[in-house]
Amino acid sequence: MSKILVTGGAGYIGSHAVVELAQAGYEPVIVDDFSNSKESVLAGLRAILGRDVPCHHVDCGDAEALRGVFRQEGNIAGVIHFAAFKAVGESVQKPLAYFHNNVGSLLTLLQVMPEFGVENLVFSSSCTVYGNPDALPVTEATPTKPATSPYGRTKQMCEDIVHDVSGASSNKLRTILLRYFNPIGAHASAKIGELPLGTPNNLVPFITQTAAGIREKLTIFGDDYATPDGTNVRDYIHVVDLAKAHVVAVQRLLDRKAPDTVETFNVGTGHGNTVLEVVQAFEQASGQQLNYSIGPRRPGDVPAIYADATKAETVLGFKTETSLLDSLASAWKWQQTLG
């Protein structure tokens, strides 16, 4: 049973990846500083898996603490690196925090991994690396343009760092970069899901909190974009589908099937939906009427982006399975468990 270190494993995507790894026969080990997650997630994982998942309360930017995890666990076959701040809007307000945490934690990890002979890395990247693309859908060969937010810049920088480190003759790092689009939804058990601390930065938890009466209304940031209804277009992928992509990527690295030291894959549905389409789909999936209004554009948002997911399907054999309606229904079911 291969042991996989999952940084940020108590977070939204990380916790779902932990479940999929465990159910695929791997032994996940969580590293999380709980700066943007709650320890209650561990109880949710226990309820789904019927056992505790090892968890180290460690900041990935702390090299000595990270070394302690590698020493204690031993025989780590690979790492999935999720640990990062992830809110576009917040990154505009707090750029230094984003550069320090997102870039710094990767640098520390890449410093520590070779000390323990760990060569396999799946890196949590983002479609924000494409900036504001000239053509849609974006493929992995789409040129990366200037990022529209500090968050996007951190992901561009991290990808550059991985390429440079992998290209060094002294290094044996083998990495798969997964460029996520917009993860939504929750595990079918409703034991884990998106758990924003404070005001949500993502659309769907804001929708579900508004439907639950926690928020007075949903604000849609701009309706004057050059899109079918004037609202932003995004590619919404169910979080469990996204988690399964990580299992496939890990297996590809462990099987030594990757021909290059760095491979890049878009992980999305290949289809874009406007914000208003998501609102209407949620109302259909939940039976709830949403109170929403149109506000000004939000700094850092690109008008539209969605994936060409062909490469992931042909090379990884990965394809999303969950519809937008089912994804939103799972998000609502999760919200209802939160009260």
C-alpha atoms as a PDB file:
ATOM      1  CA  MET A   1       0.000   0.000   0.000  1.00  0.00           C
ATOM      2  CA  SER A   2       1.700   3.199  -1.203  1.00  0.00           C
ATOM      3  CA  LYS A   3       1.799   6.075   1.269  1.00  0.00           C
ATOM      4  CA  ILE A   4       0.839   9.453  -0.223  1.00  0.00           C
ATOM      5  CA  LEU A   5       1.432  12.698   1.658  1.00  0.00           C
ATOM      6  CA  VAL A   6      -1.452  15.128   1.103  1.00  0.00           C
ATOM      7  CA  THR A   7      -0.607  18.716   2.030  1.00  0.00           C
ATOM      8  CA  GLY A   8      -3.731  20.729   2.726  1.00  0.00           C
ATOM      9  CA  GLY A   9      -5.490  17.395   3.097  1.00  0.00           C
ATOM     10  CA  ALA A  10      -8.102  18.799   5.483  1.00  0.00           C
ATOM     11  CA  GLY A  11      -9.166  21.405   2.939  1.00  0.00           C
ATOM     12  CA  TYR A  12     -12.046  21.239   0.497  1.00  0.00           C
ATOM     13  CA  ILE A  13     -10.388  19.484  -2.441  1.00  0.00           C
ATOM     14  CA  GLY A  14      -7.748  17.806  -0.275  1.00  0.00           C
ATOM     15  CA  SER A  15     -10.271  16.023   1.954  1.00  0.00           C
ATOM     16  CA  HIS A  16     -12.121  14.606  -1.036  1.00  0.00           C
ATOM     17  CA  ALA A  17      -8.814  13.464  -2.541  1.00  0.00           C
ATOM     18  CA  VAL A  18      -7.962  11.718   0.736  1.00  0.00           C
ATOM     19  CA  VAL A  19     -11.202   9.726   0.488  1.00  0.00           C
ATOM     20  CA  GLU A  20     -10.598   8.735  -3.141  1.00  0.00           C
ATOM     21  CA  LEU A  21      -6.978   7.769  -2.418  1.00  0.00           C
ATOM     22  CA  ALA A  22      -7.997   5.595   0.530  1.00  0.00           C
ATOM     23  CA  GLN A  23     -10.780   3.924  -1.429  1.00  0.00           C
ATOM     24  CA  ALA A  24      -8.343   3.234  -4.281  1.00  0.00           C
ATOM     25  CA  GLY A  25      -6.011   1.371  -1.914  1.00  0.00           C
ATOM     26  CA  TYR A  26      -3.505   4.088  -1.063  1.00  0.00           C
ATOM     27  CA  GLU A  27      -2.510   5.196   2.419  1.00  0.00           C
ATOM     28  CA  PRO A  28      -3.087   8.975   2.598  1.00  0.00           C
ATOM     29  CA  VAL A  29      -1.306  11.041   5.242  1.00  0.00           C
ATOM     30  CA  ILE A  30      -2.555  14.583   5.858  1.00  0.00           C
ATOM     31  CA  VAL A  31      -0.369  17.611   6.514  1.00  0.00           C
ATOM     32  CA  ASP A  32      -2.408  20.735   7.310  1.00  0.00           C
ATOM     33  CA  ASP A  33      -1.932  23.822   9.493  1.00  0.00           C
ATOM     34  CA  PHE A  34      -5.724  24.374   9.688  1.00  0.00           C
ATOM     35  CA  SER A  35      -5.343  28.042   8.769  1.00  0.00           C
ATOM     36  CA  ASN A  36      -8.166  27.660   6.246  1.00  0.00           C
ATOM     37  CA  SER A  37      -9.853  24.432   7.322  1.00  0.00           C
ATOM     38  CA  LYS A  38     -11.470  22.890  10.388  1.00  0.00           C
ATOM     39  CA  GLU A  39     -10.437  19.838  12.386  1.00  0.00           C
ATOM     40  CA  SER A  40     -14.053  18.616  12.199  1.00  0.00           C
ATOM     41  CA  VAL A  41     -13.170  17.476   8.662  1.00  0.00           C
ATOM     42  CA  LEU A  42     -11.175  14.632  10.240  1.00  0.00           C
ATOM     43  CA  ALA A  43     -14.361  13.284  11.846  1.00  0.00           C
ATOM     44  CA  GLY A  44     -16.071  13.421   8.453  1.00  0.00           C
ATOM     45  CA  LEU A  45     -13.233  11.421   6.910  1.00  0.00           C
ATOM     46  CA  ARG A  46     -13.469   8.892   9.726  1.00  0.00           C
ATOM     47  CA  ALA A  47     -17.227   8.513   9.160  1.00  0.00           C
ATOM     48  CA  ILE A  48     -16.725   7.857   5.433  1.00  0.00           C
ATOM     49  CA  LEU A  49     -13.684   5.582   5.664  1.00  0.00           C
ATOM     50  CA  GLY A  50     -14.396   3.844   8.964  1.00  0.00           C
ATOM     51  CA  ARG A  51     -10.945   4.686  10.313  1.00  0.00           C
ATOM     52  CA  ASP A  52      -8.761   7.649  11.206  1.00  0.00           C
ATOM     53  CA  VAL A  53      -6.478   9.170   8.605  1.00  0.00           C
ATOM     54  CA  PRO A  54      -3.038  10.115   9.993  1.00  0.00           C
ATOM     55  CA  CYS A  55      -2.841  13.903  10.282  1.00  0.00           C
ATOM     56  CA  HIS A  56       0.098  16.171  11.110  1.00  0.00           C
ATOM     57  CA  HIS A  57      -0.745  19.682  12.294  1.00  0.00           C
ATOM     58  CA  VAL A  58       2.135  21.307  10.429  1.00  0.00           C
ATOM     59  CA  ASP A  59       2.729  24.419   8.310  1.00  0.00           C
ATOM     60  CA  CYS A  60       4.249  23.385   4.966  1.00  0.00           C
ATOM     61  CA  GLY A  61       6.428  26.476   5.063  1.00  0.00           C
ATOM     62  CA  ASP A  62       8.211  25.122   8.172  1.00  0.00           C
ATOM     63  CA  ALA A  63      11.045  22.996   6.763  1.00  0.00           C
ATOM     64  CA  GLU A  64      12.044  21.373  10.045  1.00  0.00           C
ATOM     65  CA  ALA A  65       8.470  20.454  10.935  1.00  0.00           C
ATOM     66  CA  LEU A  66       7.994  19.025   7.448  1.00  0.00           C
ATOM     67  CA  ARG A  67      11.185  16.978   7.793  1.00  0.00           C
ATOM     68  CA  GLY A  68       9.738  15.605  11.027  1.00  0.00           C
ATOM     69  CA  VAL A  69       6.684  14.344   9.138  1.00  0.00           C
ATOM     70  CA  PHE A  70       8.815  12.638   6.465  1.00  0.00           C
ATOM     71  CA  ARG A  71      11.006  11.046   9.166  1.00  0.00           C
ATOM     72  CA  GLN A  72       8.062   9.852  11.240  1.00  0.00           C
ATOM     73  CA  GLU A  73       6.062   8.457   8.327  1.00  0.00           C
ATOM     74  CA  GLY A  74       8.902   6.950   6.299  1.00  0.00           C
ATOM     75  CA  ASN A  75       8.506   5.329   2.857  1.00  0.00           C
ATOM     76  CA  ILE A  76       6.416   8.116   1.332  1.00  0.00           C
ATOM     77  CA  ALA A  77       5.823   7.230  -2.325  1.00  0.00           C
ATOM     78  CA  GLY A  78       4.593  10.633  -3.454  1.00  0.00           C
ATOM     79  CA  VAL A  79       3.098  13.972  -2.499  1.00  0.00           C
ATOM     80  CA  ILE A  80      -0.047  15.802  -3.580  1.00  0.00           C
ATOM     81  CA  HIS A  81       0.484  19.470  -2.820  1.00  0.00           C
ATOM     82  CA  PHE A  82      -2.804  21.280  -2.222  1.00  0.00           C
ATOM     83  CA  ALA A  83      -1.729  23.574   0.613  1.00  0.00           C
ATOM     84  CA  ALA A  84      -2.275  27.142  -0.594  1.00  0.00           C
ATOM     85  CA  PHE A  85      -4.449  30.198  -0.164  1.00  0.00           C
ATOM     86  CA  LYS A  86      -6.938  30.191  -3.018  1.00  0.00           C
ATOM     87  CA  ALA A  87      -9.261  33.225  -3.124  1.00  0.00           C
ATOM     88  CA  VAL A  88      -8.772  35.499  -6.141  1.00  0.00           C
ATOM     89  CA  GLY A  89     -10.396  38.536  -4.509  1.00  0.00           C
ATOM     90  CA  GLU A  90      -8.538  38.125  -1.228  1.00  0.00           C
ATOM     91  CA  SER A  91      -5.226  37.812  -3.070  1.00  0.00           C
ATOM     92  CA  VAL A  92      -5.768  41.277  -4.552  1.00  0.00           C
ATOM     93  CA  GLN A  93      -6.119  42.622  -1.008  1.00  0.00           C
ATOM     94  CA  LYS A  94      -3.350  40.508   0.577  1.00  0.00           C
ATOM     95  CA  PRO A  95      -0.770  39.794  -2.139  1.00  0.00           C
ATOM     96  CA  LEU A  96       2.198  39.323   0.206  1.00  0.00           C
ATOM     97  CA  ALA A  97       0.382  36.656   2.214  1.00  0.00           C
ATOM     98  CA  TYR A  98      -0.346  34.771  -1.010  1.00  0.00           C
ATOM     99  CA  PHE A  99       3.218  34.916  -2.318  1.00  0.00           C
ATOM    100  CA  HIS A 100       4.641  33.923   1.052  1.00  0.00           C
ATOM    101  CA  ASN A 101       2.280  31.011   1.620  1.00  0.00           C
ATOM    102  CA  ASN A 102       1.746  29.624  -1.877  1.00  0.00           C
ATOM    103  CA  VAL A 103       5.254  30.003  -3.285  1.00  0.00           C
ATOM    104  CA  GLY A 104       7.031  29.550   0.044  1.00  0.00           C
ATOM    105  CA  SER A 105       5.326  26.252   0.899  1.00  0.00           C
ATOM    106  CA  LEU A 106       6.222  24.772  -2.505  1.00  0.00           C
ATOM    107  CA  LEU A 107       9.868  25.853  -2.152  1.00  0.00           C
ATOM    108  CA  THR A 108      10.050  24.208   1.271  1.00  0.00           C
ATOM    109  CA  LEU A 109       8.436  21.014   0.000  1.00  0.00           C
ATOM    110  CA  LEU A 110      10.811  20.792  -2.980  1.00  0.00           C
ATOM    111  CA  GLN A 111      13.711  21.306  -0.613  1.00  0.00           C
ATOM    112  CA  VAL A 112      12.620  18.526   1.748  1.00  0.00           C
ATOM    113  CA  MET A 113      11.359  15.864  -0.691  1.00  0.00           C
ATOM    114  CA  PRO A 114      14.751  14.889  -2.181  1.00  0.00           C
ATOM    115  CA  GLU A 115      16.273  14.629   1.298  1.00  0.00           C
ATOM    116  CA  PHE A 116      13.990  11.624   1.798  1.00  0.00           C
ATOM    117  CA  GLY A 117      14.197  10.230  -1.731  1.00  0.00           C
ATOM    118  CA  VAL A 118      10.642  11.264  -2.668  1.00  0.00           C
ATOM    119  CA  GLU A 119      10.452  11.975  -6.406  1.00  0.00           C
ATOM    120  CA  ASN A 120       6.731  12.014  -7.289  1.00  0.00           C
ATOM    121  CA  LEU A 121       4.636  15.170  -7.017  1.00  0.00           C
ATOM    122  CA  VAL A 122       1.108  16.060  -8.091  1.00  0.00           C
ATOM    123  CA  PHE A 123       0.782  19.840  -7.948  1.00  0.00           C
ATOM    124  CA  SER A 124      -2.499  21.647  -7.467  1.00  0.00           C
ATOM    125  CA  SER A 125      -2.464  24.337 -10.149  1.00  0.00           C
ATOM    126  CA  SER A 126      -5.232  26.437 -11.623  1.00  0.00           C
ATOM    127  CA  CYS A 127      -6.815  27.686 -14.814  1.00  0.00           C
ATOM    128  CA  THR A 128      -5.894  31.182 -13.576  1.00  0.00           C
ATOM    129  CA  VAL A 129      -2.443  30.548 -15.101  1.00  0.00           C
ATOM    130  CA  TYR A 130      -4.015  31.244 -18.507  1.00  0.00           C
ATOM    131  CA  GLY A 131      -4.862  34.818 -17.498  1.00  0.00           C
ATOM    132  CA  ASN A 132      -7.506  36.292 -19.795  1.00  0.00           C
ATOM    133  CA  PRO A 133      -7.240  33.898 -22.760  1.00  0.00           C
ATOM    134  CA  ASP A 134      -7.613  35.032 -26.380  1.00  0.00           C
ATOM    135  CA  ALA A 135      -9.561  31.929 -27.410  1.00  0.00           C
ATOM    136  CA  LEU A 136     -11.794  29.336 -25.741  1.00  0.00           C
ATOM    137  CA  PRO A 137     -11.732  26.601 -24.720  1.00  0.00           C
ATOM    138  CA  VAL A 138      -8.182  26.625 -23.349  1.00  0.00           C
ATOM    139  CA  THR A 139      -5.896  23.666 -24.029  1.00  0.00           C
ATOM    140  CA  GLU A 140      -2.709  22.847 -22.168  1.00  0.00           C
ATOM    141  CA  ALA A 141      -0.858  24.500 -25.079  1.00  0.00           C
ATOM    142  CA  THR A 142      -2.776  27.786 -24.709  1.00  0.00           C
ATOM    143  CA  PRO A 143      -0.191  30.499 -23.989  1.00  0.00           C
ATOM    144  CA  THR A 144      -0.201  31.707 -20.400  1.00  0.00           C
ATOM    145  CA  LYS A 145      -0.891  35.424 -20.367  1.00  0.00           C
ATOM    146  CA  PRO A 146      -0.290  37.803 -17.451  1.00  0.00           C
ATOM    147  CA  ALA A 147      -2.337  36.613 -14.479  1.00  0.00           C
ATOM    148  CA  THR A 148      -5.224  38.853 -13.473  1.00  0.00           C
ATOM    149  CA  SER A 149      -4.616  38.366  -9.732  1.00  0.00           C
ATOM    150  CA  PRO A 150      -1.773  37.692  -7.289  1.00  0.00           C
ATOM    151  CA  TYR A 151      -3.321  34.239  -6.714  1.00  0.00           C
ATOM    152  CA  GLY A 152      -2.966  33.440 -10.411  1.00  0.00           C
ATOM    153  CA  ARG A 153       0.593  34.762 -10.381  1.00  0.00           C
ATOM    154  CA  THR A 154       1.514  32.444  -7.505  1.00  0.00           C
ATOM    155  CA  LYS A 155       0.306  29.458  -9.545  1.00  0.00           C
ATOM    156  CA  GLN A 156       2.268  30.628 -12.600  1.00  0.00           C
ATOM    157  CA  MET A 157       5.382  31.059 -10.450  1.00  0.00           C
ATOM    158  CA  CYS A 158       4.940  27.643  -8.842  1.00  0.00           C
ATOM    159  CA  GLU A 159       4.619  25.974 -12.255  1.00  0.00           C
ATOM    160  CA  ASP A 160       7.801  27.769 -13.402  1.00  0.00           C
ATOM    161  CA  ILE A 161       9.620  26.624 -10.266  1.00  0.00           C
ATOM    162  CA  VAL A 162       8.579  23.004 -10.832  1.00  0.00           C
ATOM    163  CA  HIS A 163       9.823  23.124 -14.448  1.00  0.00           C
ATOM    164  CA  ASP A 164      13.161  24.658 -13.411  1.00  0.00           C
ATOM    165  CA  VAL A 165      13.713  22.183 -10.573  1.00  0.00           C
ATOM    166  CA  SER A 166      12.748  19.227 -12.766  1.00  0.00           C
ATOM    167  CA  GLY A 167      15.137  20.433 -15.456  1.00  0.00           C
ATOM    168  CA  ALA A 168      18.110  20.507 -13.101  1.00  0.00           C
ATOM    169  CA  SER A 169      20.449  17.568 -13.745  1.00  0.00           C
ATOM    170  CA  SER A 170      20.843  17.008 -10.002  1.00  0.00           C
ATOM    171  CA  ASN A 171      17.111  16.515  -9.481  1.00  0.00           C
ATOM    172  CA  LYS A 172      14.903  13.477 -10.077  1.00  0.00           C
ATOM    173  CA  LEU A 173      11.572  15.228  -9.512  1.00  0.00           C
ATOM    174  CA  ARG A 174       8.671  13.950 -11.612  1.00  0.00           C
ATOM    175  CA  THR A 175       5.568  16.119 -11.516  1.00  0.00           C
ATOM    176  CA  ILE A 176       2.053  16.222 -12.874  1.00  0.00           C
ATOM    177  CA  LEU A 177       0.546  19.706 -12.861  1.00  0.00           C
ATOM    178  CA  LEU A 178      -3.240  19.614 -12.653  1.00  0.00           C
ATOM    179  CA  ARG A 179      -4.860  22.865 -13.732  1.00  0.00           C
ATOM    180  CA  TYR A 180      -8.235  22.950 -11.996  1.00  0.00           C
ATOM    181  CA  PHE A 181     -11.237  24.823 -13.181  1.00  0.00           C
ATOM    182  CA  ASN A 182     -14.032  25.499 -10.651  1.00  0.00           C
ATOM    183  CA  PRO A 183     -14.662  22.693  -8.143  1.00  0.00           C
ATOM    184  CA  ILE A 184     -18.143  22.565  -6.627  1.00  0.00           C
ATOM    185  CA  GLY A 185     -20.360  20.140  -4.728  1.00  0.00           C
ATOM    186  CA  ALA A 186     -19.715  17.726  -1.893  1.00  0.00           C
ATOM    187  CA  HIS A 187     -19.233  14.042  -1.142  1.00  0.00           C
ATOM    188  CA  ALA A 188     -22.382  11.951  -1.632  1.00  0.00           C
ATOM    189  CA  SER A 189     -22.383  11.099   2.084  1.00  0.00           C
ATOM    190  CA  ALA A 190     -22.618  14.819   2.979  1.00  0.00           C
ATOM    191  CA  LYS A 191     -19.926  14.113   5.604  1.00  0.00           C
ATOM    192  CA  ILE A 192     -17.422  16.453   3.931  1.00  0.00           C
ATOM    193  CA  GLY A 193     -17.844  19.416   1.604  1.00  0.00           C
ATOM    194  CA  GLU A 194     -16.792  23.015   1.052  1.00  0.00           C
ATOM    195  CA  LEU A 195     -16.373  24.663   4.443  1.00  0.00           C
ATOM    196  CA  PRO A 196     -15.459  28.329   3.989  1.00  0.00           C
ATOM    197  CA  LEU A 197     -14.281  30.188   7.083  1.00  0.00           C
ATOM    198  CA  GLY A 198     -16.082  33.538   7.257  1.00  0.00           C
ATOM    199  CA  THR A 199     -17.568  35.020   4.091  1.00  0.00           C
ATOM    200  CA  PRO A 200     -17.305  32.588   1.154  1.00  0.00           C
ATOM    201  CA  ASN A 201     -15.074  33.564  -1.749  1.00  0.00           C
ATOM    202  CA  ASN A 202     -16.572  31.014  -4.149  1.00  0.00           C
ATOM    203  CA  LEU A 203     -19.932  31.169  -5.871  1.00  0.00           C
ATOM    204  CA  VAL A 204     -21.589  27.926  -4.788  1.00  0.00           C
ATOM    205  CA  PRO A 205     -21.162  28.191  -0.987  1.00  0.00           C
ATOM    206  CA  PHE A 206     -22.466  31.763  -1.256  1.00  0.00           C
ATOM    207  CA  ILE A 207     -25.479  30.391  -3.146  1.00  0.00           C
ATOM    208  CA  THR A 208     -26.139  27.640  -0.599  1.00  0.00           C
ATOM    209  CA  GLN A 209     -25.690  29.981   2.381  1.00  0.00           C
ATOM    210  CA  THR A 210     -28.123  32.449   0.795  1.00  0.00           C
ATOM    211  CA  ALA A 211     -30.654  29.673   0.198  1.00  0.00           C
ATOM    212  CA  ALA A 212     -30.226  28.577   3.822  1.00  0.00           C
ATOM    213  CA  GLY A 213     -30.886  32.106   5.096  1.00  0.00           C
ATOM    214  CA  ILE A 214     -27.346  32.617   6.412  1.00  0.00           C
ATOM    215  CA  ARG A 215     -26.731  35.355   3.837  1.00  0.00           C
ATOM    216  CA  GLU A 216     -29.357  37.947   2.965  1.00  0.00           C
ATOM    217  CA  LYS A 217     -28.626  37.792  -0.747  1.00  0.00           C
ATOM    218  CA  LEU A 218     -26.163  36.717  -3.381  1.00  0.00           C
ATOM    219  CA  THR A 219     -24.287  39.434  -5.238  1.00  0.00           C
ATOM    220  CA  ILE A 220     -23.337  38.615  -8.824  1.00  0.00           C
ATOM    221  CA  PHE A 221     -20.213  40.533  -9.756  1.00  0.00           C
ATOM    222  CA  GLY A 222     -21.032  42.160 -13.084  1.00  0.00           C
ATOM    223  CA  ASP A 223     -23.581  41.494 -15.823  1.00  0.00           C
ATOM    224  CA  ASP A 224     -21.893  43.428 -18.620  1.00  0.00           C
ATOM    225  CA  TYR A 225     -19.328  40.890 -19.786  1.00  0.00           C
ATOM    226  CA  ALA A 226     -19.281  39.720 -23.411  1.00  0.00           C
ATOM    227  CA  THR A 227     -20.955  36.406 -22.488  1.00  0.00           C
ATOM    228  CA  PRO A 228     -24.396  34.937 -23.336  1.00  0.00           C
ATOM    229  CA  ASP A 229     -26.131  36.687 -20.409  1.00  0.00           C
ATOM    230  CA  GLY A 230     -23.454  39.187 -19.357  1.00  0.00           C
ATOM    231  CA  THR A 231     -22.228  37.192 -16.321  1.00  0.00           C
ATOM    232  CA  ASN A 232     -18.909  35.362 -15.968  1.00  0.00           C
ATOM    233  CA  VAL A 233     -18.485  31.955 -17.602  1.00  0.00           C
ATOM    234  CA  ARG A 234     -16.671  29.212 -15.710  1.00  0.00           C
ATOM    235  CA  ASP A 235     -16.155  25.445 -15.982  1.00  0.00           C
ATOM    236  CA  TYR A 236     -17.730  23.847 -12.888  1.00  0.00           C
ATOM    237  CA  ILE A 237     -16.388  20.398 -11.993  1.00  0.00           C
ATOM    238  CA  HIS A 238     -17.693  18.204  -9.188  1.00  0.00           C
ATOM    239  CA  VAL A 239     -15.104  17.981  -6.421  1.00  0.00           C
ATOM    240  CA  VAL A 240     -15.232  14.168  -6.317  1.00  0.00           C
ATOM    241  CA  ASP A 241     -14.498  14.008 -10.046  1.00  0.00           C
ATOM    242  CA  LEU A 242     -11.566  16.367  -9.451  1.00  0.00           C
ATOM    243  CA  ALA A 243     -10.367  14.217  -6.545  1.00  0.00           C
ATOM    244  CA  LYS A 244     -10.429  11.118  -8.756  1.00  0.00           C
ATOM    245  CA  ALA A 245      -8.138  12.891 -11.240  1.00  0.00           C
ATOM    246  CA  HIS A 246      -5.507  13.036  -8.505  1.00  0.00           C
ATOM    247  CA  VAL A 247      -5.690   9.291  -7.943  1.00  0.00           C
ATOM    248  CA  VAL A 248      -5.160   8.708 -11.664  1.00  0.00           C
ATOM    249  CA  ALA A 249      -2.234  11.162 -11.681  1.00  0.00           C
ATOM    250  CA  VAL A 250      -0.584   9.513  -8.670  1.00  0.00           C
ATOM    251  CA  GLN A 251      -0.908   6.086 -10.260  1.00  0.00           C
ATOM    252  CA  ARG A 252       0.616   7.387 -13.508  1.00  0.00           C
ATOM    253  CA  LEU A 253       3.649   8.697 -11.606  1.00  0.00           C
ATOM    254  CA  LEU A 254       4.093   5.515  -9.563  1.00  0.00           C
ATOM    255  CA  ASP A 255       3.756   3.375 -12.701  1.00  0.00           C
ATOM    256  CA  ARG A 256       6.450   5.509 -14.371  1.00  0.00           C
ATOM    257  CA  LYS A 257       4.187   6.008 -17.365  1.00  0.00           C
ATOM    258  CA  ALA A 258       4.864   9.722 -17.755  1.00  0.00           C
ATOM    259  CA  PRO A 259       7.369  10.318 -20.581  1.00  0.00           C
ATOM    260  CA  ASP A 260       8.361  13.785 -19.353  1.00  0.00           C
ATOM    261  CA  THR A 261       9.666  15.097 -16.049  1.00  0.00           C
ATOM    262  CA  VAL A 262       6.677  17.494 -15.993  1.00  0.00           C
ATOM    263  CA  GLU A 263       3.235  16.839 -17.486  1.00  0.00           C
ATOM    264  CA  THR A 264       0.330  19.278 -17.471  1.00  0.00           C
ATOM    265  CA  PHE A 265      -3.388  18.501 -17.628  1.00  0.00           C
ATOM    266  CA  ASN A 266      -6.527  20.606 -17.561  1.00  0.00           C
ATOM    267  CA  VAL A 267      -9.084  19.135 -15.174  1.00  0.00           C
ATOM    268  CA  GLY A 268     -12.531  20.415 -16.084  1.00  0.00           C
ATOM    269  CA  THR A 269     -15.743  19.324 -17.753  1.00  0.00           C
ATOM    270  CA  GLY A 270     -14.958  20.961 -21.078  1.00  0.00           C
ATOM    271  CA  HIS A 271     -18.131  23.043 -20.799  1.00  0.00           C
ATOM    272  CA  GLY A 272     -18.733  26.599 -19.562  1.00  0.00           C
ATOM    273  CA  ASN A 273     -21.719  27.915 -17.612  1.00  0.00           C
ATOM    274  CA  THR A 274     -22.588  31.499 -16.761  1.00  0.00           C
ATOM    275  CA  VAL A 275     -23.159  32.552 -13.162  1.00  0.00           C
ATOM    276  CA  LEU A 276     -26.856  33.049 -13.894  1.00  0.00           C
ATOM    277  CA  GLU A 277     -27.071  29.552 -15.382  1.00  0.00           C
ATOM    278  CA  VAL A 278     -25.589  28.168 -12.160  1.00  0.00           C
ATOM    279  CA  VAL A 279     -28.109  30.143 -10.090  1.00  0.00           C
ATOM    280  CA  GLN A 280     -30.997  28.789 -12.185  1.00  0.00           C
ATOM    281  CA  ALA A 281     -29.625  25.239 -12.038  1.00  0.00           C
ATOM    282  CA  PHE A 282     -29.349  25.488  -8.249  1.00  0.00           C
ATOM    283  CA  GLU A 283     -32.952  26.665  -7.983  1.00  0.00           C
ATOM    284  CA  GLN A 284     -33.983  23.671 -10.086  1.00  0.00           C
ATOM    285  CA  ALA A 285     -31.835  21.189  -8.114  1.00  0.00           C
ATOM    286  CA  SER A 286     -32.877  22.450  -4.674  1.00  0.00           C
ATOM    287  CA  GLY A 287     -36.381  23.814  -5.148  1.00  0.00           C
ATOM    288  CA  GLN A 288     -35.226  27.036  -3.450  1.00  0.00           C
ATOM    289  CA  GLN A 289     -35.726  30.553  -4.812  1.00  0.00           C
ATOM    290  CA  LEU A 290     -32.554  32.636  -4.534  1.00  0.00           C
ATOM    291  CA  ASN A 291     -32.432  36.277  -3.576  1.00  0.00           C
ATOM    292  CA  TYR A 292     -29.712  37.839  -5.727  1.00  0.00           C
ATOM    293  CA  SER A 293     -28.696  41.193  -7.158  1.00  0.00           C
ATOM    294  CA  ILE A 294     -26.138  42.457  -9.639  1.00  0.00           C
ATOM    295  CA  GLY A 295     -23.105  44.264  -8.259  1.00  0.00           C
ATOM    296  CA  PRO A 296     -19.981  45.778  -9.802  1.00  0.00           C
ATOM    297  CA  ARG A 297     -17.295  43.643 -11.402  1.00  0.00           C
ATOM    298  CA  ARG A 298     -14.819  42.045  -8.975  1.00  0.00           C
ATOM    299  CA  PRO A 299     -11.098  42.796  -9.367  1.00  0.00           C
ATOM    300  CA  GLY A 300      -9.129  39.862 -10.786  1.00  0.00           C
ATOM    301  CA  ASP A 301     -12.029  38.122 -12.542  1.00  0.00           C
ATOM    302  CA  VAL A 302     -11.630  37.147 -16.204  1.00  0.00           C
ATOM    303  CA  PRO A 303     -14.816  37.294 -18.317  1.00  0.00           C
ATOM    304  CA  ALA A 304     -14.862  33.640 -19.383  1.00  0.00           C
ATOM    305  CA  ILE A 305     -12.755  30.510 -19.192  1.00  0.00           C
ATOM    306  CA  TYR A 306     -13.439  26.812 -19.639  1.00  0.00           C
ATOM    307  CA  ALA A 307     -11.371  23.752 -20.431  1.00  0.00           C
ATOM    308  CA  ASP A 308     -10.599  21.662 -23.403  1.00  0.00           C
ATOM    309  CA  ALA A 309     -10.411  18.421 -21.420  1.00  0.00           C
ATOM    310  CA  THR A 310      -9.309  16.201 -24.325  1.00  0.00           C
ATOM    311  CA  LYS A 311      -5.764  15.563 -23.089  1.00  0.00           C
ATOM    312  CA  ALA A 312      -6.873  14.331 -19.668  1.00  0.00           C
ATOM    313  CA  GLU A 313      -9.311  11.945 -21.349  1.00  0.00           C
ATOM    314  CA  THR A 314      -6.916  10.577 -23.968  1.00  0.00           C
ATOM    315  CA  VAL A 315      -3.712  10.426 -21.883  1.00  0.00           C
ATOM    316  CA  LEU A 316      -4.946   9.908 -18.318  1.00  0.00           C
ATOM    317  CA  GLY A 317      -8.169   8.140 -19.206  1.00  0.00           C
ATOM    318  CA  PHE A 318      -9.960  10.621 -16.963  1.00  0.00           C
ATOM    319  CA  LYS A 319     -13.351  12.122 -17.670  1.00  0.00           C
ATOM    320  CA  THR A 320     -15.810  13.916 -15.418  1.00  0.00           C
ATOM    321  CA  GLU A 321     -19.001  12.044 -14.578  1.00  0.00           C
ATOM    322  CA  THR A 322     -21.225  14.374 -12.535  1.00  0.00           C
ATOM    323  CA  SER A 323     -23.688  16.853 -14.043  1.00  0.00           C
ATOM    324  CA  LEU A 324     -24.044  20.457 -12.940  1.00  0.00           C
ATOM    325  CA  LEU A 325     -27.484  19.698 -11.451  1.00  0.00           C
ATOM    326  CA  ASP A 326     -26.200  16.745  -9.429  1.00  0.00           C
ATOM    327  CA  SER A 327     -23.164  18.737  -8.288  1.00  0.00           C
ATOM    328  CA  LEU A 328     -25.383  21.552  -7.025  1.00  0.00           C
ATOM    329  CA  ALA A 329     -27.786  19.103  -5.388  1.00  0.00           C
ATOM    330  CA  SER A 330     -24.856  17.621  -3.434  1.00  0.00           C
ATOM    331  CA  ALA A 331     -23.750  21.123  -2.370  1.00  0.00           C
ATOM    332  CA  TRP A 332     -27.264  21.834  -1.056  1.00  0.00           C
ATOM    333  CA  LYS A 333     -27.404  18.505   0.785  1.00  0.00           C
ATOM    334  CA  TRP A 334     -24.075  19.356   2.437  1.00  0.00           C
ATOM    335  CA  GLN A 335     -25.268  22.856   3.378  1.00  0.00           C
ATOM    336  CA  GLN A 336     -28.337  21.382   5.056  1.00  0.00           C
ATOM    337  CA  THR A 337     -26.128  19.231   7.318  1.00  0.00           C
ATOM    338  CA  LEU A 338     -24.349  22.403   8.462  1.00  0.00           C
ATOM    339  CA  GLY A 339     -27.599  23.970   9.655  1.00  0.00           C
END
